[in-house]
């Protein structure tokens, strides 16, 4: 079985695939100081709860955008599952070109999104990844990564405003965290501004790369 670890800025998602289906997916908050033993206690409990034998895990891959957390996640794989994890990075052979002036600076999350999106949907397409930041990545017909944009995520943007206008934005921040749109006029304007930024960025970025669309 394959253990997959997706370490983002806010959450770390771990999942197990048996070659035909996902057997379980679990999420824990990102903490660069959390040790491999702490991860193990948490993950082993969940594996047993899902009737997955930890000894059946013989492969692992880590996609990470928080370098400080890599040591403990790699040690988790080595010490508790006795496997050497593959670390997703621009140095791997992805089977597609990274058409960037600085390929080494393209994050593993964006490359993984490129690979998965093209495998599932084909191309060309724009991949939009909502996280701590919002990524807009362009993938061409052949599956090559041809560039993109990174903008602040909605919660990050609102938290920055929150520091400047604490009382006005407190309610909006709570609504956005729970996935609901705001109702009062001022909050709706902020919410719609973010939606406009999201929707407005996608097509221009795509069209700059593909003038026939």
C-alpha atoms as a PDB file:
ATOM      1  CA  UNK A   1       0.000   0.000   0.000  1.00  0.00           C
ATOM      2  CA  UNK A   2       1.002   3.582  -0.625  1.00  0.00           C
ATOM      3  CA  UNK A   3       1.094   6.235   2.090  1.00  0.00           C
ATOM      4  CA  UNK A   4       0.577   9.730   0.664  1.00  0.00           C
ATOM      5  CA  UNK A   5       1.400  12.830   2.705  1.00  0.00           C
ATOM      6  CA  UNK A   6       0.317  16.280   1.514  1.00  0.00           C
ATOM      7  CA  UNK A   7       1.830  18.900   3.812  1.00  0.00           C
ATOM      8  CA  UNK A   8       0.364  22.348   3.265  1.00  0.00           C
ATOM      9  CA  UNK A   9       0.703  25.584   5.160  1.00  0.00           C
ATOM     10  CA  UNK A  10      -2.486  25.043   7.158  1.00  0.00           C
ATOM     11  CA  UNK A  11      -3.145  21.295   7.179  1.00  0.00           C
ATOM     12  CA  UNK A  12      -1.336  18.022   6.560  1.00  0.00           C
ATOM     13  CA  UNK A  13      -3.418  15.376   4.815  1.00  0.00           C
ATOM     14  CA  UNK A  14      -2.388  11.723   4.956  1.00  0.00           C
ATOM     15  CA  UNK A  15      -4.030   8.994   2.906  1.00  0.00           C
ATOM     16  CA  UNK A  16      -3.540   5.330   2.042  1.00  0.00           C
ATOM     17  CA  UNK A  17      -4.132   3.796  -1.399  1.00  0.00           C
ATOM     18  CA  UNK A  18      -4.196   0.036  -1.946  1.00  0.00           C
ATOM     19  CA  UNK A  19      -3.652   0.143  -5.710  1.00  0.00           C
ATOM     20  CA  UNK A  20      -7.314   0.301  -6.617  1.00  0.00           C
ATOM     21  CA  UNK A  21      -8.948   2.681  -4.156  1.00  0.00           C
ATOM     22  CA  UNK A  22      -8.332   5.059  -1.293  1.00  0.00           C
ATOM     23  CA  UNK A  23      -8.679   3.254   2.005  1.00  0.00           C
ATOM     24  CA  UNK A  24      -8.634   6.315   4.225  1.00  0.00           C
ATOM     25  CA  UNK A  25      -7.897  10.032   4.296  1.00  0.00           C
ATOM     26  CA  UNK A  26      -7.073  11.993   7.450  1.00  0.00           C
ATOM     27  CA  UNK A  27      -6.221  15.601   8.249  1.00  0.00           C
ATOM     28  CA  UNK A  28      -4.166  17.242  10.986  1.00  0.00           C
ATOM     29  CA  UNK A  29      -3.130  20.864  11.478  1.00  0.00           C
ATOM     30  CA  UNK A  30       0.341  21.777  10.256  1.00  0.00           C
ATOM     31  CA  UNK A  31       2.895  22.236  13.030  1.00  0.00           C
ATOM     32  CA  UNK A  32       6.554  22.201  12.052  1.00  0.00           C
ATOM     33  CA  UNK A  33       7.492  21.274  15.626  1.00  0.00           C
ATOM     34  CA  UNK A  34       5.319  18.149  15.774  1.00  0.00           C
ATOM     35  CA  UNK A  35       7.610  15.128  16.056  1.00  0.00           C
ATOM     36  CA  UNK A  36       7.550  11.913  14.050  1.00  0.00           C
ATOM     37  CA  UNK A  37       6.478  10.018  17.165  1.00  0.00           C
ATOM     38  CA  UNK A  38       3.489  12.305  17.628  1.00  0.00           C
ATOM     39  CA  UNK A  39       2.497  11.772  13.999  1.00  0.00           C
ATOM     40  CA  UNK A  40       2.879   8.022  14.498  1.00  0.00           C
ATOM     41  CA  UNK A  41       0.594   7.873  17.543  1.00  0.00           C
ATOM     42  CA  UNK A  42      -2.088   9.774  15.620  1.00  0.00           C
ATOM     43  CA  UNK A  43      -1.726   7.929  12.301  1.00  0.00           C
ATOM     44  CA  UNK A  44      -1.377   4.391  13.675  1.00  0.00           C
ATOM     45  CA  UNK A  45      -4.558   4.861  15.694  1.00  0.00           C
ATOM     46  CA  UNK A  46      -6.449   5.920  12.566  1.00  0.00           C
ATOM     47  CA  UNK A  47      -5.027   3.073  10.484  1.00  0.00           C
ATOM     48  CA  UNK A  48      -6.168   0.490  13.005  1.00  0.00           C
ATOM     49  CA  UNK A  49      -9.570   2.173  13.264  1.00  0.00           C
ATOM     50  CA  UNK A  50      -9.923   1.667   9.493  1.00  0.00           C
ATOM     51  CA  UNK A  51      -8.669  -1.938   9.685  1.00  0.00           C
ATOM     52  CA  UNK A  52      -5.460  -1.130   7.794  1.00  0.00           C
ATOM     53  CA  UNK A  53      -2.382  -3.095   8.803  1.00  0.00           C
ATOM     54  CA  UNK A  54       0.533  -0.629   9.146  1.00  0.00           C
ATOM     55  CA  UNK A  55       2.882  -3.396   7.989  1.00  0.00           C
ATOM     56  CA  UNK A  56       1.124  -3.430   4.605  1.00  0.00           C
ATOM     57  CA  UNK A  57       2.414   0.056   3.778  1.00  0.00           C
ATOM     58  CA  UNK A  58       5.500  -0.428   1.617  1.00  0.00           C
ATOM     59  CA  UNK A  59       5.694   2.861  -0.287  1.00  0.00           C
ATOM     60  CA  UNK A  60       5.378   6.531   0.622  1.00  0.00           C
ATOM     61  CA  UNK A  61       5.414   9.883  -1.113  1.00  0.00           C
ATOM     62  CA  UNK A  62       5.532  13.347   0.446  1.00  0.00           C
ATOM     63  CA  UNK A  63       4.399  16.588  -1.183  1.00  0.00           C
ATOM     64  CA  UNK A  64       5.362  19.517   1.015  1.00  0.00           C
ATOM     65  CA  UNK A  65       5.452  23.306   0.977  1.00  0.00           C
ATOM     66  CA  UNK A  66       6.636  23.637   4.594  1.00  0.00           C
ATOM     67  CA  UNK A  67      10.323  22.627   4.537  1.00  0.00           C
ATOM     68  CA  UNK A  68      10.621  22.816   8.319  1.00  0.00           C
ATOM     69  CA  UNK A  69       8.154  19.920   8.675  1.00  0.00           C
ATOM     70  CA  UNK A  70       9.956  17.598   6.257  1.00  0.00           C
ATOM     71  CA  UNK A  71      12.433  16.134   8.739  1.00  0.00           C
ATOM     72  CA  UNK A  72       9.764  14.711  11.038  1.00  0.00           C
ATOM     73  CA  UNK A  73       7.532  13.481   8.198  1.00  0.00           C
ATOM     74  CA  UNK A  74      10.437  11.712   6.530  1.00  0.00           C
ATOM     75  CA  UNK A  75      11.421  10.167   9.862  1.00  0.00           C
ATOM     76  CA  UNK A  76       7.815   8.999  10.332  1.00  0.00           C
ATOM     77  CA  UNK A  77       8.107   6.982   7.113  1.00  0.00           C
ATOM     78  CA  UNK A  78      11.554   5.641   7.888  1.00  0.00           C
ATOM     79  CA  UNK A  79      11.154   4.730  11.544  1.00  0.00           C
ATOM     80  CA  UNK A  80       7.536   3.637  11.740  1.00  0.00           C
ATOM     81  CA  UNK A  81       6.906   2.149   8.284  1.00  0.00           C
ATOM     82  CA  UNK A  82      10.470   1.257   7.246  1.00  0.00           C
ATOM     83  CA  UNK A  83      10.109   2.900   3.840  1.00  0.00           C
ATOM     84  CA  UNK A  84      12.132   5.654   2.186  1.00  0.00           C
ATOM     85  CA  UNK A  85       9.619   8.266   0.991  1.00  0.00           C
ATOM     86  CA  UNK A  86       9.758   9.897  -2.417  1.00  0.00           C
ATOM     87  CA  UNK A  87       9.830  13.673  -1.982  1.00  0.00           C
ATOM     88  CA  UNK A  88       7.908  15.538  -4.676  1.00  0.00           C
ATOM     89  CA  UNK A  89      10.046  18.324  -6.114  1.00  0.00           C
ATOM     90  CA  UNK A  90      10.958  19.966  -9.406  1.00  0.00           C
ATOM     91  CA  UNK A  91      14.021  17.689  -9.602  1.00  0.00           C
ATOM     92  CA  UNK A  92      11.890  14.616 -10.328  1.00  0.00           C
ATOM     93  CA  UNK A  93      10.969  13.417 -13.808  1.00  0.00           C
ATOM     94  CA  UNK A  94       7.307  14.375 -13.895  1.00  0.00           C
ATOM     95  CA  UNK A  95       6.671  13.318 -17.460  1.00  0.00           C
ATOM     96  CA  UNK A  96       5.959  16.919 -18.437  1.00  0.00           C
ATOM     97  CA  UNK A  97       7.960  20.105 -18.884  1.00  0.00           C
ATOM     98  CA  UNK A  98       8.153  22.821 -16.229  1.00  0.00           C
ATOM     99  CA  UNK A  99       8.190  25.863 -18.481  1.00  0.00           C
ATOM    100  CA  UNK A 100       9.316  28.396 -15.930  1.00  0.00           C
ATOM    101  CA  UNK A 101      12.376  30.634 -15.855  1.00  0.00           C
ATOM    102  CA  UNK A 102      13.175  29.113 -12.457  1.00  0.00           C
ATOM    103  CA  UNK A 103      11.754  25.550 -12.354  1.00  0.00           C
ATOM    104  CA  UNK A 104      13.355  24.894  -8.971  1.00  0.00           C
ATOM    105  CA  UNK A 105      11.104  27.533  -7.428  1.00  0.00           C
ATOM    106  CA  UNK A 106       7.850  25.927  -8.577  1.00  0.00           C
ATOM    107  CA  UNK A 107       6.259  24.336  -5.523  1.00  0.00           C
ATOM    108  CA  UNK A 108       5.506  20.638  -5.273  1.00  0.00           C
ATOM    109  CA  UNK A 109       1.823  21.409  -4.715  1.00  0.00           C
ATOM    110  CA  UNK A 110       1.586  23.142  -8.094  1.00  0.00           C
ATOM    111  CA  UNK A 111       3.366  20.319  -9.896  1.00  0.00           C
ATOM    112  CA  UNK A 112       1.173  17.691  -8.251  1.00  0.00           C
ATOM    113  CA  UNK A 113      -1.919  19.686  -9.221  1.00  0.00           C
ATOM    114  CA  UNK A 114      -0.665  19.899 -12.807  1.00  0.00           C
ATOM    115  CA  UNK A 115      -0.105  16.152 -13.015  1.00  0.00           C
ATOM    116  CA  UNK A 116      -3.417  15.182 -11.422  1.00  0.00           C
ATOM    117  CA  UNK A 117      -5.557  17.703 -13.311  1.00  0.00           C
ATOM    118  CA  UNK A 118      -4.196  16.713 -16.707  1.00  0.00           C
ATOM    119  CA  UNK A 119      -4.542  13.005 -15.931  1.00  0.00           C
ATOM    120  CA  UNK A 120      -8.196  13.481 -15.000  1.00  0.00           C
ATOM    121  CA  UNK A 121      -9.385  16.249 -17.328  1.00  0.00           C
ATOM    122  CA  UNK A 122      -6.831  16.550 -20.108  1.00  0.00           C
ATOM    123  CA  UNK A 123      -5.800  19.974 -21.344  1.00  0.00           C
ATOM    124  CA  UNK A 124      -5.438  22.799 -21.835  1.00  0.00           C
ATOM    125  CA  UNK A 125      -6.843  23.984 -18.528  1.00  0.00           C
ATOM    126  CA  UNK A 126      -6.368  26.275 -15.549  1.00  0.00           C
ATOM    127  CA  UNK A 127      -6.008  24.643 -12.137  1.00  0.00           C
ATOM    128  CA  UNK A 128      -7.320  26.732  -9.230  1.00  0.00           C
ATOM    129  CA  UNK A 129      -6.174  25.581  -5.798  1.00  0.00           C
ATOM    130  CA  UNK A 130      -7.820  27.249  -2.799  1.00  0.00           C
ATOM    131  CA  UNK A 131      -5.604  27.126   0.264  1.00  0.00           C
ATOM    132  CA  UNK A 132      -3.687  29.505   2.495  1.00  0.00           C
ATOM    133  CA  UNK A 133      -2.794  31.013  -0.870  1.00  0.00           C
ATOM    134  CA  UNK A 134      -4.888  30.658  -4.030  1.00  0.00           C
ATOM    135  CA  UNK A 135      -2.928  29.257  -6.989  1.00  0.00           C
ATOM    136  CA  UNK A 136      -3.938  29.708 -10.619  1.00  0.00           C
ATOM    137  CA  UNK A 137      -1.787  27.397 -12.742  1.00  0.00           C
ATOM    138  CA  UNK A 138      -1.927  26.979 -16.516  1.00  0.00           C
ATOM    139  CA  UNK A 139      -1.491  23.530 -18.091  1.00  0.00           C
ATOM    140  CA  UNK A 140      -1.189  23.139 -21.857  1.00  0.00           C
ATOM    141  CA  UNK A 141      -2.634  20.485 -24.155  1.00  0.00           C
ATOM    142  CA  UNK A 142       0.318  18.146 -23.575  1.00  0.00           C
ATOM    143  CA  UNK A 143       0.218  18.470 -19.789  1.00  0.00           C
ATOM    144  CA  UNK A 144       3.152  20.860 -19.430  1.00  0.00           C
ATOM    145  CA  UNK A 145       3.207  23.414 -16.631  1.00  0.00           C
ATOM    146  CA  UNK A 146       3.417  26.775 -18.391  1.00  0.00           C
ATOM    147  CA  UNK A 147       3.072  29.237 -15.525  1.00  0.00           C
ATOM    148  CA  UNK A 148       0.570  30.729 -13.166  1.00  0.00           C
ATOM    149  CA  UNK A 149      -0.297  33.220 -10.451  1.00  0.00           C
ATOM    150  CA  UNK A 150      -0.246  32.997  -6.663  1.00  0.00           C
ATOM    151  CA  UNK A 151      -2.568  35.286  -4.712  1.00  0.00           C
ATOM    152  CA  UNK A 152      -3.544  35.460  -1.030  1.00  0.00           C
ATOM    153  CA  UNK A 153      -6.316  33.098   0.010  1.00  0.00           C
ATOM    154  CA  UNK A 154      -9.608  34.547   1.241  1.00  0.00           C
ATOM    155  CA  UNK A 155      -8.913  33.900   4.935  1.00  0.00           C
ATOM    156  CA  UNK A 156      -5.380  35.271   4.688  1.00  0.00           C
ATOM    157  CA  UNK A 157      -6.666  38.401   2.951  1.00  0.00           C
ATOM    158  CA  UNK A 158      -9.399  38.961   5.512  1.00  0.00           C
ATOM    159  CA  UNK A 159      -7.050  38.353   8.438  1.00  0.00           C
ATOM    160  CA  UNK A 160      -4.738  41.044   7.067  1.00  0.00           C
ATOM    161  CA  UNK A 161      -7.699  43.444   6.878  1.00  0.00           C
ATOM    162  CA  UNK A 162      -8.840  42.256  10.292  1.00  0.00           C
ATOM    163  CA  UNK A 163      -5.696  43.705  11.849  1.00  0.00           C
ATOM    164  CA  UNK A 164      -6.635  47.100  10.398  1.00  0.00           C
ATOM    165  CA  UNK A 165     -10.406  47.007  10.831  1.00  0.00           C
ATOM    166  CA  UNK A 166     -10.979  44.529  13.606  1.00  0.00           C
ATOM    167  CA  UNK A 167     -14.618  45.204  14.508  1.00  0.00           C
ATOM    168  CA  UNK A 168     -15.899  45.565  10.951  1.00  0.00           C
ATOM    169  CA  UNK A 169     -14.407  42.302   9.727  1.00  0.00           C
ATOM    170  CA  UNK A 170     -14.753  40.012  12.731  1.00  0.00           C
ATOM    171  CA  UNK A 171     -18.117  38.657  11.592  1.00  0.00           C
ATOM    172  CA  UNK A 172     -17.013  38.245   7.970  1.00  0.00           C
ATOM    173  CA  UNK A 173     -13.965  36.224   8.968  1.00  0.00           C
ATOM    174  CA  UNK A 174     -16.123  33.799  10.953  1.00  0.00           C
ATOM    175  CA  UNK A 175     -18.524  33.319   8.059  1.00  0.00           C
ATOM    176  CA  UNK A 176     -15.774  32.657   5.549  1.00  0.00           C
ATOM    177  CA  UNK A 177     -14.151  30.072   7.770  1.00  0.00           C
ATOM    178  CA  UNK A 178     -17.448  28.207   7.876  1.00  0.00           C
ATOM    179  CA  UNK A 179     -17.986  28.416   4.111  1.00  0.00           C
ATOM    180  CA  UNK A 180     -20.951  30.801   4.247  1.00  0.00           C
ATOM    181  CA  UNK A 181     -21.289  34.072   2.433  1.00  0.00           C
ATOM    182  CA  UNK A 182     -21.861  37.245   4.489  1.00  0.00           C
ATOM    183  CA  UNK A 183     -25.244  38.998   4.616  1.00  0.00           C
ATOM    184  CA  UNK A 184     -24.552  42.597   5.607  1.00  0.00           C
ATOM    185  CA  UNK A 185     -23.689  45.003   2.725  1.00  0.00           C
ATOM    186  CA  UNK A 186     -20.138  45.880   3.805  1.00  0.00           C
ATOM    187  CA  UNK A 187     -19.151  42.265   4.291  1.00  0.00           C
ATOM    188  CA  UNK A 188     -20.735  41.288   0.974  1.00  0.00           C
ATOM    189  CA  UNK A 189     -18.578  43.849  -0.815  1.00  0.00           C
ATOM    190  CA  UNK A 190     -15.389  42.305   0.607  1.00  0.00           C
ATOM    191  CA  UNK A 191     -16.605  38.807  -0.188  1.00  0.00           C
ATOM    192  CA  UNK A 192     -17.546  39.731  -3.760  1.00  0.00           C
ATOM    193  CA  UNK A 193     -14.237  41.491  -4.257  1.00  0.00           C
ATOM    194  CA  UNK A 194     -12.460  38.241  -3.467  1.00  0.00           C
ATOM    195  CA  UNK A 195     -14.765  36.282  -5.756  1.00  0.00           C
ATOM    196  CA  UNK A 196     -14.110  38.803  -8.519  1.00  0.00           C
ATOM    197  CA  UNK A 197     -10.378  38.459  -7.984  1.00  0.00           C
ATOM    198  CA  UNK A 198     -10.688  34.686  -8.200  1.00  0.00           C
ATOM    199  CA  UNK A 199     -12.899  34.658 -11.292  1.00  0.00           C
ATOM    200  CA  UNK A 200     -11.133  37.563 -12.972  1.00  0.00           C
ATOM    201  CA  UNK A 201      -7.671  36.055 -12.722  1.00  0.00           C
ATOM    202  CA  UNK A 202      -8.480  32.675 -14.225  1.00  0.00           C
ATOM    203  CA  UNK A 203      -9.481  33.512 -17.780  1.00  0.00           C
ATOM    204  CA  UNK A 204      -6.923  36.301 -18.453  1.00  0.00           C
ATOM    205  CA  UNK A 205      -4.082  34.054 -17.275  1.00  0.00           C
ATOM    206  CA  UNK A 206      -5.394  31.257 -19.453  1.00  0.00           C
ATOM    207  CA  UNK A 207      -5.908  33.421 -22.523  1.00  0.00           C
ATOM    208  CA  UNK A 208      -2.462  34.942 -22.349  1.00  0.00           C
ATOM    209  CA  UNK A 209      -1.088  31.442 -22.854  1.00  0.00           C
ATOM    210  CA  UNK A 210      -3.724  30.234 -25.310  1.00  0.00           C
ATOM    211  CA  UNK A 211      -4.823  33.035 -27.613  1.00  0.00           C
ATOM    212  CA  UNK A 212      -7.224  30.782 -29.506  1.00  0.00           C
ATOM    213  CA  UNK A 213      -9.559  30.467 -26.488  1.00  0.00           C
END
